[in-house]
C-alpha cells in the first residue's frame, strides 16, 4: 500500500524531529521532506510531490500565510494543515481564508494530530476543539446580530501587493518575474489570483485599485 506522504515545515528542528517520530508511529503515513521556512517549502515542491504539508504560521523568510498562497499556485492539490502555537482567532481566520484545510494547536498535537490528518486527508476541514467552540459562539452571536462582520479586509498577501505595484508601474510579467526572482508562470498565477480576489475585469481596473490603495504614486 502506498503511504500518504507528508512534508513538515517548522523553523524549530527539535520540534520537527519529535513530530516526525510521532507520525512514524502510523504505518500508512510517511514524512518525505522537511523545511525550516516558506522558501524551503517551495524549493522542496520543485523536487517532490507530497500529499500534505504540515506547517507553522511563524517562520522566517516567508510566513506560513504567505507560503499558503505560493503553494496553492504551484501545487493546488496539496493539503495544508497548520500546526501552530497561535490561539488567536484572527490567525485561524486568515489561514483558512488563505486556503489552509486544517488548524491544530501545538499544545494539543499529541492528541489531535492524527485526527486532523485524517480529516484533512479526506477533504474535510479540521479546527482544534478549543478554537472551534469559540467559532461556534462567534457564529451564534453573528446570527443574533450581536456583532457585525468586517467585510472591507485587506485581501492581498505581501507578494500580491508587490505584483500589483509593479503592474501599476507598467512592468511586464517578464519584468516582474526578473525583479521578484520568480517564474513568469508564477507571476501570471498571482495576477489571476489578484483579479479573482478583487473581482476586477482588466488591468485598468487593477491600476485604479493600486492608486486608490496607495501602492504606487
N, C-alpha and C. Protein backbone atom coordinates (compact mmCIF):
# COMPACT_ATOMS: atom_id res chain seq x y z
N UNK A 1 0.83 -1.20 0.00
CA UNK A 1 0.00 0.00 0.00
C UNK A 1 0.87 1.25 0.00
N UNK A 2 0.56 2.16 -0.90
CA UNK A 2 1.34 3.39 -0.99
C UNK A 2 1.06 4.27 0.22
N UNK A 3 2.11 4.78 0.82
CA UNK A 3 1.96 5.60 2.02
C UNK A 3 1.54 7.02 1.66
N UNK A 4 0.85 7.67 2.62
CA UNK A 4 0.42 9.06 2.46
C UNK A 4 1.60 9.94 2.83
N UNK A 5 2.09 10.72 1.87
CA UNK A 5 3.34 11.47 2.04
C UNK A 5 3.11 12.86 2.63
N UNK A 6 3.97 13.23 3.57
CA UNK A 6 3.83 14.49 4.31
C UNK A 6 5.16 15.23 4.36
N UNK A 7 5.09 16.55 4.20
CA UNK A 7 6.25 17.43 4.40
C UNK A 7 6.03 18.22 5.68
N UNK A 8 7.05 18.33 6.52
CA UNK A 8 6.98 19.09 7.76
C UNK A 8 7.71 20.41 7.59
N UNK A 9 7.04 21.51 7.93
CA UNK A 9 7.67 22.84 7.79
C UNK A 9 7.54 23.60 9.10
N UNK A 10 8.68 23.75 9.77
CA UNK A 10 8.72 24.47 11.05
C UNK A 10 10.18 24.87 11.27
N UNK A 11 10.41 26.06 11.80
CA UNK A 11 11.79 26.52 11.95
C UNK A 11 12.49 25.95 13.17
N UNK A 12 11.77 25.16 13.99
CA UNK A 12 12.39 24.52 15.15
C UNK A 12 12.70 23.05 14.81
N UNK A 13 13.99 22.75 14.68
CA UNK A 13 14.42 21.42 14.25
C UNK A 13 13.98 20.34 15.23
N UNK A 14 14.13 20.60 16.53
CA UNK A 14 13.76 19.59 17.53
C UNK A 14 12.26 19.28 17.48
N UNK A 15 11.45 20.31 17.22
CA UNK A 15 10.01 20.08 17.12
C UNK A 15 9.71 19.21 15.90
N UNK A 16 10.40 19.49 14.78
CA UNK A 16 10.20 18.68 13.58
C UNK A 16 10.58 17.23 13.84
N UNK A 17 11.68 17.03 14.56
CA UNK A 17 12.12 15.67 14.84
C UNK A 17 11.10 14.91 15.69
N UNK A 18 10.55 15.61 16.69
CA UNK A 18 9.53 14.98 17.53
C UNK A 18 8.28 14.66 16.74
N UNK A 19 7.91 15.57 15.86
CA UNK A 19 6.73 15.37 15.02
C UNK A 19 6.95 14.20 14.06
N UNK A 20 8.16 14.10 13.54
CA UNK A 20 8.49 13.01 12.62
C UNK A 20 8.38 11.66 13.32
N UNK A 21 8.86 11.59 14.57
CA UNK A 21 8.76 10.35 15.34
C UNK A 21 7.30 9.99 15.61
N UNK A 22 6.50 11.01 15.91
CA UNK A 22 5.08 10.79 16.19
C UNK A 22 4.36 10.25 14.96
N UNK A 23 4.60 10.88 13.82
CA UNK A 23 3.96 10.45 12.58
C UNK A 23 4.45 9.06 12.16
N UNK A 24 5.71 8.76 12.50
CA UNK A 24 6.27 7.46 12.16
C UNK A 24 5.58 6.29 12.83
N UNK A 25 4.75 6.58 13.83
CA UNK A 25 4.00 5.52 14.51
C UNK A 25 2.89 4.96 13.64
N UNK A 26 2.49 5.71 12.63
CA UNK A 26 1.41 5.28 11.75
C UNK A 26 2.00 4.65 10.48
N UNK A 27 1.74 3.39 10.23
CA UNK A 27 2.36 2.71 9.08
C UNK A 27 1.91 3.23 7.71
N UNK A 28 0.78 3.93 7.68
CA UNK A 28 0.29 4.43 6.39
C UNK A 28 0.73 5.86 6.10
N UNK A 29 1.50 6.47 7.04
CA UNK A 29 1.99 7.83 6.86
C UNK A 29 3.50 7.84 6.72
N UNK A 30 4.01 8.80 5.94
CA UNK A 30 5.46 8.87 5.73
C UNK A 30 5.88 10.33 5.55
N UNK A 31 6.87 10.76 6.34
CA UNK A 31 7.45 12.09 6.18
C UNK A 31 8.50 12.03 5.07
N UNK A 32 8.27 12.77 3.99
CA UNK A 32 9.15 12.69 2.83
C UNK A 32 10.04 13.93 2.67
N UNK A 33 9.86 14.92 3.54
CA UNK A 33 10.68 16.12 3.43
C UNK A 33 10.46 17.05 4.60
N UNK A 34 11.46 17.91 4.86
CA UNK A 34 11.37 18.88 5.94
C UNK A 34 11.87 20.23 5.45
N UNK A 35 11.28 21.30 6.02
CA UNK A 35 11.67 22.66 5.65
C UNK A 35 11.67 23.55 6.88
N UNK A 36 12.57 24.52 6.89
CA UNK A 36 12.66 25.43 8.03
C UNK A 36 11.98 26.75 7.80
N UNK A 37 11.57 27.01 6.56
CA UNK A 37 10.84 28.24 6.26
C UNK A 37 10.06 28.08 4.95
N UNK A 38 9.30 29.11 4.60
CA UNK A 38 8.45 29.05 3.42
C UNK A 38 9.22 28.88 2.13
N UNK A 39 10.38 29.51 2.03
CA UNK A 39 11.16 29.40 0.80
C UNK A 39 11.67 27.97 0.60
N UNK A 40 12.04 27.32 1.70
CA UNK A 40 12.49 25.93 1.61
C UNK A 40 11.34 25.01 1.19
N UNK A 41 10.12 25.34 1.61
CA UNK A 41 8.96 24.55 1.17
C UNK A 41 8.85 24.61 -0.35
N UNK A 42 8.93 25.81 -0.90
CA UNK A 42 8.79 25.98 -2.35
C UNK A 42 9.90 25.25 -3.10
N UNK A 43 11.11 25.27 -2.52
CA UNK A 43 12.23 24.57 -3.16
C UNK A 43 11.98 23.07 -3.14
N UNK A 44 11.46 22.57 -2.01
CA UNK A 44 11.13 21.15 -1.91
C UNK A 44 10.09 20.74 -2.93
N UNK A 45 9.08 21.60 -3.12
CA UNK A 45 7.99 21.27 -4.03
C UNK A 45 8.43 21.26 -5.49
N UNK A 46 9.60 21.80 -5.76
CA UNK A 46 10.13 21.71 -7.12
C UNK A 46 10.72 20.33 -7.39
N UNK A 47 10.91 19.53 -6.30
CA UNK A 47 11.54 18.22 -6.44
C UNK A 47 10.63 17.05 -6.05
N UNK A 48 9.69 17.31 -5.14
CA UNK A 48 8.82 16.22 -4.69
C UNK A 48 7.36 16.65 -4.74
N UNK A 49 6.47 15.69 -4.67
CA UNK A 49 5.04 15.97 -4.78
C UNK A 49 4.29 15.31 -3.61
N UNK A 50 4.32 15.93 -2.42
CA UNK A 50 3.68 15.32 -1.25
C UNK A 50 2.16 15.43 -1.29
N UNK A 51 1.52 14.62 -0.49
CA UNK A 51 0.06 14.70 -0.36
C UNK A 51 -0.35 15.83 0.58
N UNK A 52 0.49 16.10 1.59
CA UNK A 52 0.14 17.08 2.61
C UNK A 52 1.38 17.82 3.10
N UNK A 53 1.19 19.09 3.47
CA UNK A 53 2.23 19.86 4.14
C UNK A 53 1.69 20.29 5.50
N UNK A 54 2.42 19.96 6.55
CA UNK A 54 2.08 20.43 7.89
C UNK A 54 3.03 21.59 8.20
N UNK A 55 2.49 22.78 8.37
CA UNK A 55 3.34 23.96 8.50
C UNK A 55 2.91 24.88 9.63
N UNK A 56 3.90 25.62 10.13
CA UNK A 56 3.66 26.62 11.16
C UNK A 56 3.34 27.96 10.48
N UNK A 57 2.73 28.87 11.24
CA UNK A 57 2.47 30.21 10.71
C UNK A 57 3.72 31.06 10.81
N UNK A 58 4.42 30.98 11.95
CA UNK A 58 5.57 31.84 12.20
C UNK A 58 6.86 31.18 11.75
N UNK A 59 7.30 31.55 10.55
CA UNK A 59 8.56 31.03 10.02
C UNK A 59 9.34 32.17 9.41
N UNK A 60 10.68 32.10 9.42
CA UNK A 60 11.48 33.16 8.80
C UNK A 60 11.40 33.14 7.27
N UNK A 61 11.80 34.23 6.66
CA UNK A 61 11.89 34.41 5.20
C UNK A 61 10.53 34.50 4.50
N UNK A 62 9.63 33.59 4.82
CA UNK A 62 8.28 33.65 4.27
C UNK A 62 7.32 33.06 5.29
N UNK A 63 6.39 33.88 5.77
CA UNK A 63 5.45 33.42 6.78
C UNK A 63 4.55 32.32 6.24
N UNK A 64 3.97 31.56 7.17
CA UNK A 64 3.11 30.46 6.76
C UNK A 64 1.96 30.89 5.88
N UNK A 65 1.35 32.04 6.21
CA UNK A 65 0.21 32.52 5.41
C UNK A 65 0.66 32.87 4.00
N UNK A 66 1.82 33.50 3.88
CA UNK A 66 2.36 33.81 2.56
C UNK A 66 2.67 32.51 1.81
N UNK A 67 3.23 31.55 2.52
CA UNK A 67 3.58 30.28 1.89
C UNK A 67 2.35 29.57 1.35
N UNK A 68 1.23 29.67 2.08
CA UNK A 68 -0.01 29.02 1.63
C UNK A 68 -0.39 29.52 0.25
N UNK A 69 -0.35 30.83 0.05
CA UNK A 69 -0.71 31.41 -1.25
C UNK A 69 0.23 30.92 -2.35
N UNK A 70 1.53 30.89 -2.04
CA UNK A 70 2.52 30.46 -3.04
C UNK A 70 2.34 28.99 -3.38
N UNK A 71 2.11 28.18 -2.35
CA UNK A 71 1.93 26.73 -2.56
C UNK A 71 0.71 26.46 -3.43
N UNK A 72 -0.36 27.21 -3.19
CA UNK A 72 -1.59 26.98 -3.95
C UNK A 72 -1.42 27.27 -5.43
N UNK A 73 -0.51 28.16 -5.75
CA UNK A 73 -0.27 28.49 -7.15
C UNK A 73 0.46 27.35 -7.86
N UNK A 74 1.47 26.79 -7.19
CA UNK A 74 2.28 25.76 -7.86
C UNK A 74 1.78 24.34 -7.60
N UNK A 75 1.10 24.12 -6.45
CA UNK A 75 0.59 22.79 -6.12
C UNK A 75 -0.81 22.91 -5.51
N UNK A 76 -1.80 23.25 -6.31
CA UNK A 76 -3.16 23.48 -5.77
C UNK A 76 -3.80 22.24 -5.16
N UNK A 77 -3.26 21.06 -5.46
CA UNK A 77 -3.88 19.82 -4.98
C UNK A 77 -3.36 19.38 -3.61
N UNK A 78 -2.29 19.97 -3.11
CA UNK A 78 -1.70 19.52 -1.86
C UNK A 78 -2.55 20.00 -0.68
N UNK A 79 -2.69 19.15 0.34
CA UNK A 79 -3.44 19.50 1.54
C UNK A 79 -2.53 20.29 2.49
N UNK A 80 -3.10 21.31 3.14
CA UNK A 80 -2.32 22.19 4.01
C UNK A 80 -2.89 22.18 5.42
N UNK A 81 -2.09 21.69 6.37
CA UNK A 81 -2.52 21.62 7.76
C UNK A 81 -1.63 22.53 8.61
N UNK A 82 -2.23 23.53 9.24
CA UNK A 82 -1.49 24.45 10.10
C UNK A 82 -1.31 23.82 11.48
N UNK A 83 -0.07 23.85 11.97
CA UNK A 83 0.24 23.37 13.31
C UNK A 83 1.00 24.50 14.01
N UNK A 84 0.36 25.16 14.96
CA UNK A 84 0.90 26.40 15.49
C UNK A 84 0.61 26.59 16.97
N UNK A 85 1.33 27.53 17.58
CA UNK A 85 1.08 27.88 18.97
C UNK A 85 0.04 29.00 19.08
N UNK A 86 -0.29 29.64 17.96
CA UNK A 86 -1.17 30.81 17.98
C UNK A 86 -2.63 30.42 18.21
N UNK A 87 -3.20 30.91 19.31
CA UNK A 87 -4.60 30.64 19.64
C UNK A 87 -5.53 31.76 19.17
N UNK A 88 -4.94 32.83 18.65
CA UNK A 88 -5.72 33.98 18.20
C UNK A 88 -6.61 33.58 17.01
N UNK A 89 -7.89 33.87 17.12
CA UNK A 89 -8.84 33.51 16.06
C UNK A 89 -8.54 34.25 14.76
N UNK A 90 -7.85 35.40 14.88
CA UNK A 90 -7.51 36.15 13.67
C UNK A 90 -6.57 35.34 12.79
N UNK A 91 -5.60 34.65 13.41
CA UNK A 91 -4.70 33.78 12.66
C UNK A 91 -5.47 32.63 12.01
N UNK A 92 -6.38 32.07 12.77
CA UNK A 92 -7.21 30.98 12.23
C UNK A 92 -7.99 31.45 11.01
N UNK A 93 -8.66 32.59 11.15
CA UNK A 93 -9.46 33.11 10.03
C UNK A 93 -8.62 33.39 8.80
N UNK A 94 -7.43 33.97 9.02
CA UNK A 94 -6.56 34.32 7.90
C UNK A 94 -6.04 33.08 7.17
N UNK A 95 -5.65 32.07 7.94
CA UNK A 95 -5.10 30.88 7.29
C UNK A 95 -6.17 30.08 6.55
N UNK A 96 -7.34 29.97 7.14
CA UNK A 96 -8.43 29.25 6.47
C UNK A 96 -8.87 30.01 5.23
N UNK A 97 -8.96 31.35 5.35
CA UNK A 97 -9.32 32.16 4.19
C UNK A 97 -8.28 32.05 3.08
N UNK A 98 -7.01 31.91 3.49
CA UNK A 98 -5.93 31.79 2.51
C UNK A 98 -5.95 30.45 1.78
N UNK A 99 -6.58 29.44 2.41
CA UNK A 99 -6.67 28.15 1.73
C UNK A 99 -6.22 26.95 2.54
N UNK A 100 -5.87 27.16 3.83
CA UNK A 100 -5.49 26.03 4.68
C UNK A 100 -6.70 25.14 4.91
N UNK A 101 -6.42 23.84 5.08
CA UNK A 101 -7.50 22.86 5.25
C UNK A 101 -7.70 22.44 6.70
N UNK A 102 -6.80 22.86 7.57
CA UNK A 102 -6.92 22.49 8.98
C UNK A 102 -6.05 23.36 9.85
N UNK A 103 -6.38 23.42 11.15
CA UNK A 103 -5.67 24.29 12.09
C UNK A 103 -5.61 23.58 13.44
N UNK A 104 -4.40 23.21 13.86
CA UNK A 104 -4.19 22.48 15.11
C UNK A 104 -3.23 23.25 15.99
N UNK A 105 -3.54 23.34 17.28
CA UNK A 105 -2.64 23.98 18.23
C UNK A 105 -1.53 23.01 18.63
N UNK A 106 -0.31 23.51 18.70
CA UNK A 106 0.83 22.65 19.04
C UNK A 106 0.65 21.96 20.39
N UNK A 107 0.06 22.67 21.33
CA UNK A 107 -0.10 22.10 22.66
C UNK A 107 -1.02 20.87 22.66
N UNK A 108 -1.81 20.74 21.60
CA UNK A 108 -2.74 19.61 21.51
C UNK A 108 -2.32 18.59 20.45
N UNK A 109 -1.14 18.77 19.88
CA UNK A 109 -0.71 17.92 18.76
C UNK A 109 -0.69 16.44 19.13
N UNK A 110 -0.27 16.13 20.36
CA UNK A 110 -0.14 14.72 20.77
C UNK A 110 -1.47 13.98 20.75
N UNK A 111 -2.58 14.70 20.92
CA UNK A 111 -3.88 14.03 20.95
C UNK A 111 -4.77 14.36 19.75
N UNK A 112 -4.42 15.40 18.99
CA UNK A 112 -5.28 15.83 17.90
C UNK A 112 -4.70 15.60 16.50
N UNK A 113 -3.38 15.45 16.43
CA UNK A 113 -2.73 15.46 15.13
C UNK A 113 -3.27 14.41 14.16
N UNK A 114 -3.38 13.18 14.61
CA UNK A 114 -3.82 12.13 13.69
C UNK A 114 -5.28 12.31 13.26
N UNK A 115 -6.11 12.81 14.15
CA UNK A 115 -7.49 13.10 13.78
C UNK A 115 -7.53 14.20 12.72
N UNK A 116 -6.66 15.22 12.90
CA UNK A 116 -6.60 16.32 11.95
C UNK A 116 -6.11 15.84 10.58
N UNK A 117 -5.06 15.02 10.58
CA UNK A 117 -4.53 14.49 9.33
C UNK A 117 -5.60 13.69 8.60
N UNK A 118 -6.31 12.85 9.33
CA UNK A 118 -7.32 12.00 8.72
C UNK A 118 -8.46 12.83 8.12
N UNK A 119 -8.92 13.85 8.86
CA UNK A 119 -10.00 14.70 8.36
C UNK A 119 -9.56 15.44 7.10
N UNK A 120 -8.41 16.10 7.18
CA UNK A 120 -7.92 16.88 6.04
C UNK A 120 -7.64 15.97 4.85
N UNK A 121 -7.09 14.82 5.13
CA UNK A 121 -6.81 13.83 4.08
C UNK A 121 -8.07 13.47 3.31
N UNK A 122 -9.20 13.47 4.01
CA UNK A 122 -10.48 13.13 3.39
C UNK A 122 -11.28 14.37 2.99
N UNK A 123 -10.54 15.46 2.75
CA UNK A 123 -11.12 16.71 2.23
C UNK A 123 -12.15 17.34 3.16
N UNK A 124 -11.91 17.20 4.47
CA UNK A 124 -12.77 17.85 5.45
C UNK A 124 -11.96 18.86 6.25
N UNK A 125 -12.62 19.93 6.70
CA UNK A 125 -11.95 20.95 7.48
C UNK A 125 -11.78 20.48 8.92
N UNK A 126 -10.60 20.74 9.49
CA UNK A 126 -10.37 20.39 10.90
C UNK A 126 -9.87 21.63 11.65
N UNK A 127 -10.50 21.91 12.77
CA UNK A 127 -10.07 23.00 13.66
C UNK A 127 -10.00 22.47 15.07
N UNK A 128 -8.93 22.78 15.80
CA UNK A 128 -8.79 22.33 17.18
C UNK A 128 -10.05 22.63 17.97
N UNK A 129 -10.51 21.68 18.79
CA UNK A 129 -11.75 21.86 19.56
C UNK A 129 -11.80 23.16 20.35
N UNK A 130 -10.68 23.57 20.95
CA UNK A 130 -10.66 24.80 21.74
C UNK A 130 -11.08 26.01 20.90
N UNK A 131 -10.64 26.02 19.65
CA UNK A 131 -10.97 27.14 18.77
C UNK A 131 -12.33 26.96 18.10
N UNK A 132 -12.68 25.74 17.77
CA UNK A 132 -13.95 25.51 17.10
C UNK A 132 -15.12 25.88 18.00
N UNK A 133 -14.95 25.70 19.32
CA UNK A 133 -16.00 26.10 20.26
C UNK A 133 -16.19 27.62 20.23
N UNK A 134 -15.08 28.35 20.19
CA UNK A 134 -15.15 29.81 20.12
C UNK A 134 -15.78 30.26 18.81
N UNK A 135 -15.44 29.58 17.72
CA UNK A 135 -16.01 29.93 16.42
C UNK A 135 -17.51 29.72 16.42
N UNK A 136 -17.95 28.64 17.07
CA UNK A 136 -19.39 28.37 17.15
C UNK A 136 -20.10 29.48 17.92
N UNK A 137 -19.45 29.95 19.00
CA UNK A 137 -20.03 31.04 19.78
C UNK A 137 -20.09 32.33 18.96
N UNK A 138 -19.02 32.60 18.20
CA UNK A 138 -19.00 33.79 17.34
C UNK A 138 -20.11 33.71 16.31
N UNK A 139 -20.27 32.53 15.71
CA UNK A 139 -21.30 32.35 14.70
C UNK A 139 -22.68 32.61 15.30
N UNK A 140 -22.89 32.13 16.52
CA UNK A 140 -24.18 32.33 17.18
C UNK A 140 -24.44 33.81 17.43
N UNK A 141 -23.39 34.53 17.85
CA UNK A 141 -23.56 35.96 18.10
C UNK A 141 -23.87 36.71 16.81
N UNK A 142 -23.22 36.30 15.72
CA UNK A 142 -23.48 36.93 14.42
C UNK A 142 -24.92 36.71 14.01
N UNK A 143 -25.40 35.47 14.20
CA UNK A 143 -26.79 35.17 13.84
C UNK A 143 -27.78 35.97 14.69
N UNK A 144 -27.38 36.29 15.92
CA UNK A 144 -28.25 37.09 16.79
C UNK A 144 -28.02 38.58 16.60
N UNK A 145 -27.13 38.92 15.64
CA UNK A 145 -26.81 40.32 15.31
C UNK A 145 -26.18 41.06 16.48
N UNK A 146 -25.44 40.30 17.31
CA UNK A 146 -24.74 40.93 18.42
C UNK A 146 -23.40 41.49 17.99
N UNK A 147 -22.90 41.02 16.85
CA UNK A 147 -21.65 41.54 16.31
C UNK A 147 -21.84 41.75 14.83
N UNK A 148 -20.98 42.56 14.24
CA UNK A 148 -21.01 42.80 12.80
C UNK A 148 -19.78 42.16 12.18
N UNK A 149 -19.87 41.79 10.93
CA UNK A 149 -18.75 41.19 10.22
C UNK A 149 -18.06 42.25 9.39
N UNK A 150 -16.76 42.35 9.53
CA UNK A 150 -15.99 43.33 8.77
C UNK A 150 -15.72 42.78 7.38
N UNK A 151 -16.26 43.46 6.37
CA UNK A 151 -16.12 42.98 5.00
C UNK A 151 -14.93 43.60 4.28
N UNK A 152 -14.55 44.79 4.71
CA UNK A 152 -13.53 45.52 3.97
C UNK A 152 -12.15 45.18 4.49
N UNK A 153 -11.78 43.90 4.45
CA UNK A 153 -10.47 43.45 4.92
C UNK A 153 -9.46 43.49 3.78
N UNK A 154 -8.21 43.61 4.13
CA UNK A 154 -7.16 43.56 3.12
C UNK A 154 -7.03 42.13 2.64
N UNK A 155 -7.26 41.91 1.35
CA UNK A 155 -7.33 40.57 0.81
C UNK A 155 -5.99 40.05 0.30
N UNK A 156 -5.10 40.96 -0.04
CA UNK A 156 -3.89 40.55 -0.74
C UNK A 156 -2.73 40.24 0.21
N UNK A 157 -1.90 39.30 -0.20
CA UNK A 157 -0.68 38.99 0.54
C UNK A 157 0.37 40.04 0.19
N UNK A 158 1.48 40.03 0.93
CA UNK A 158 2.56 40.98 0.64
C UNK A 158 3.09 40.79 -0.78
N UNK A 159 3.24 39.53 -1.21
CA UNK A 159 3.75 39.28 -2.54
C UNK A 159 2.77 39.78 -3.61
N UNK A 160 1.49 39.56 -3.36
CA UNK A 160 0.47 40.01 -4.32
C UNK A 160 0.45 41.53 -4.40
N UNK A 161 0.68 42.21 -3.29
CA UNK A 161 0.74 43.68 -3.31
C UNK A 161 1.95 44.16 -4.10
N UNK A 162 3.05 43.41 -3.98
CA UNK A 162 4.24 43.75 -4.78
C UNK A 162 3.93 43.64 -6.27
N UNK A 163 3.24 42.56 -6.64
CA UNK A 163 2.88 42.35 -8.04
C UNK A 163 1.96 43.46 -8.54
N UNK A 164 0.96 43.82 -7.73
CA UNK A 164 0.04 44.91 -8.09
C UNK A 164 0.82 46.20 -8.34
N UNK A 165 1.73 46.51 -7.43
CA UNK A 165 2.53 47.74 -7.55
C UNK A 165 3.32 47.76 -8.86
N UNK A 166 3.95 46.64 -9.18
CA UNK A 166 4.77 46.57 -10.38
C UNK A 166 3.92 46.61 -11.65
N UNK A 167 2.76 45.98 -11.62
CA UNK A 167 1.85 46.04 -12.77
C UNK A 167 1.42 47.49 -12.99
N UNK A 168 1.07 48.17 -11.88
CA UNK A 168 0.62 49.56 -11.97
C UNK A 168 1.73 50.49 -12.48
N UNK A 169 2.98 50.07 -12.27
CA UNK A 169 4.12 50.86 -12.75
C UNK A 169 4.46 50.54 -14.20
N UNK A 170 3.65 49.67 -14.82
CA UNK A 170 3.83 49.37 -16.23
C UNK A 170 4.79 48.23 -16.53
N UNK A 171 5.17 47.48 -15.50
CA UNK A 171 6.10 46.36 -15.71
C UNK A 171 5.38 45.18 -16.37
N UNK A 172 6.06 44.49 -17.26
CA UNK A 172 5.51 43.29 -17.89
C UNK A 172 5.69 42.10 -16.95
N UNK A 173 5.05 41.00 -17.28
CA UNK A 173 5.19 39.79 -16.46
C UNK A 173 6.64 39.34 -16.42
N UNK A 174 7.33 39.47 -17.55
CA UNK A 174 8.75 39.10 -17.62
C UNK A 174 9.58 39.98 -16.70
N UNK A 175 9.28 41.29 -16.71
CA UNK A 175 9.99 42.23 -15.83
C UNK A 175 9.76 41.86 -14.36
N UNK A 176 8.50 41.59 -14.02
CA UNK A 176 8.15 41.28 -12.63
C UNK A 176 8.82 39.99 -12.18
N UNK A 177 8.83 39.00 -13.07
CA UNK A 177 9.47 37.72 -12.75
C UNK A 177 10.95 37.92 -12.43
N UNK A 178 11.60 38.77 -13.22
CA UNK A 178 13.02 39.05 -13.02
C UNK A 178 13.26 39.80 -11.72
N UNK A 179 12.42 40.80 -11.44
CA UNK A 179 12.60 41.62 -10.25
C UNK A 179 12.33 40.85 -8.96
N UNK A 180 11.36 39.94 -9.00
CA UNK A 180 10.98 39.20 -7.81
C UNK A 180 11.61 37.81 -7.73
N UNK A 181 12.41 37.48 -8.77
CA UNK A 181 13.11 36.19 -8.81
C UNK A 181 12.14 35.01 -8.77
N UNK A 182 11.08 35.12 -9.56
CA UNK A 182 10.10 34.05 -9.69
C UNK A 182 9.86 33.80 -11.17
N UNK A 183 9.13 32.76 -11.50
CA UNK A 183 8.88 32.43 -12.90
C UNK A 183 7.73 33.25 -13.48
N UNK A 184 7.70 33.34 -14.81
CA UNK A 184 6.59 34.02 -15.49
C UNK A 184 5.26 33.37 -15.12
N UNK A 185 5.28 32.04 -15.02
CA UNK A 185 4.07 31.30 -14.68
C UNK A 185 3.55 31.69 -13.30
N UNK A 186 4.47 31.88 -12.36
CA UNK A 186 4.07 32.29 -11.01
C UNK A 186 3.49 33.69 -11.02
N UNK A 187 4.08 34.58 -11.81
CA UNK A 187 3.56 35.95 -11.94
C UNK A 187 2.14 35.92 -12.47
N UNK A 188 1.92 35.13 -13.52
CA UNK A 188 0.58 35.04 -14.11
C UNK A 188 -0.41 34.43 -13.12
N UNK A 189 0.08 33.49 -12.30
CA UNK A 189 -0.77 32.91 -11.26
C UNK A 189 -1.17 33.96 -10.23
N UNK A 190 -0.21 34.80 -9.84
CA UNK A 190 -0.50 35.89 -8.91
C UNK A 190 -1.52 36.85 -9.52
N UNK A 191 -1.29 37.20 -10.78
CA UNK A 191 -2.18 38.15 -11.46
C UNK A 191 -3.62 37.62 -11.48
N UNK A 192 -3.77 36.35 -11.83
CA UNK A 192 -5.11 35.74 -11.89
C UNK A 192 -5.76 35.72 -10.51
N UNK A 193 -4.95 35.38 -9.49
CA UNK A 193 -5.47 35.31 -8.12
C UNK A 193 -5.90 36.70 -7.64
N UNK A 194 -5.10 37.71 -7.99
CA UNK A 194 -5.41 39.08 -7.59
C UNK A 194 -6.72 39.54 -8.22
N UNK A 195 -6.87 39.30 -9.53
CA UNK A 195 -8.08 39.71 -10.24
C UNK A 195 -9.31 39.02 -9.65
N UNK A 196 -9.13 37.73 -9.29
CA UNK A 196 -10.25 36.98 -8.72
C UNK A 196 -10.62 37.51 -7.34
N UNK A 197 -9.60 37.75 -6.50
CA UNK A 197 -9.85 38.23 -5.14
C UNK A 197 -10.55 39.58 -5.14
N UNK A 198 -10.10 40.48 -6.03
CA UNK A 198 -10.61 41.85 -6.05
C UNK A 198 -11.80 42.02 -6.97
N UNK A 199 -12.16 40.94 -7.67
CA UNK A 199 -13.29 40.98 -8.60
C UNK A 199 -13.08 42.07 -9.66
N UNK A 200 -11.88 42.09 -10.24
CA UNK A 200 -11.55 43.07 -11.27
C UNK A 200 -11.58 42.42 -12.65
N UNK A 201 -11.88 43.24 -13.67
CA UNK A 201 -12.05 42.69 -15.01
C UNK A 201 -10.83 42.86 -15.90
N UNK A 202 -10.04 43.90 -15.68
CA UNK A 202 -8.92 44.16 -16.57
C UNK A 202 -7.80 44.91 -15.85
N UNK A 203 -6.71 45.15 -16.57
CA UNK A 203 -5.54 45.80 -15.98
C UNK A 203 -5.85 47.23 -15.57
N UNK A 204 -6.71 47.91 -16.32
CA UNK A 204 -7.07 49.29 -15.98
C UNK A 204 -7.71 49.35 -14.60
N UNK A 205 -8.60 48.40 -14.33
CA UNK A 205 -9.24 48.34 -13.02
C UNK A 205 -8.21 48.06 -11.92
N UNK A 206 -7.23 47.22 -12.25
CA UNK A 206 -6.18 46.87 -11.29
C UNK A 206 -5.33 48.10 -10.96
N UNK A 207 -5.03 48.90 -11.96
CA UNK A 207 -4.24 50.11 -11.75
C UNK A 207 -5.01 51.10 -10.87
N UNK A 208 -6.31 51.24 -11.14
CA UNK A 208 -7.15 52.12 -10.32
C UNK A 208 -7.13 51.67 -8.86
N UNK A 209 -7.19 50.35 -8.67
CA UNK A 209 -7.15 49.81 -7.31
C UNK A 209 -5.81 50.15 -6.64
N UNK A 210 -4.72 49.99 -7.39
CA UNK A 210 -3.38 50.24 -6.85
C UNK A 210 -3.23 51.70 -6.42
N UNK A 211 -3.74 52.61 -7.25
CA UNK A 211 -3.66 54.05 -6.93
C UNK A 211 -4.49 54.35 -5.69
N UNK A 212 -5.69 53.80 -5.65
CA UNK A 212 -6.58 54.03 -4.51
C UNK A 212 -5.97 53.55 -3.21
N UNK A 213 -5.28 52.40 -3.25
CA UNK A 213 -4.68 51.81 -2.06
C UNK A 213 -3.32 52.42 -1.72
N UNK A 214 -2.80 53.24 -2.63
CA UNK A 214 -1.51 53.88 -2.37
C UNK A 214 -0.31 52.99 -2.61
N UNK A 215 -0.47 51.94 -3.44
CA UNK A 215 0.63 51.05 -3.75
C UNK A 215 1.61 51.68 -4.74
N UNK A 216 1.15 52.71 -5.41
CA UNK A 216 2.00 53.38 -6.38
C UNK A 216 1.66 54.86 -6.39
N UNK A 217 2.60 55.65 -6.86
CA UNK A 217 2.37 57.09 -6.91
C UNK A 217 1.48 57.44 -8.08
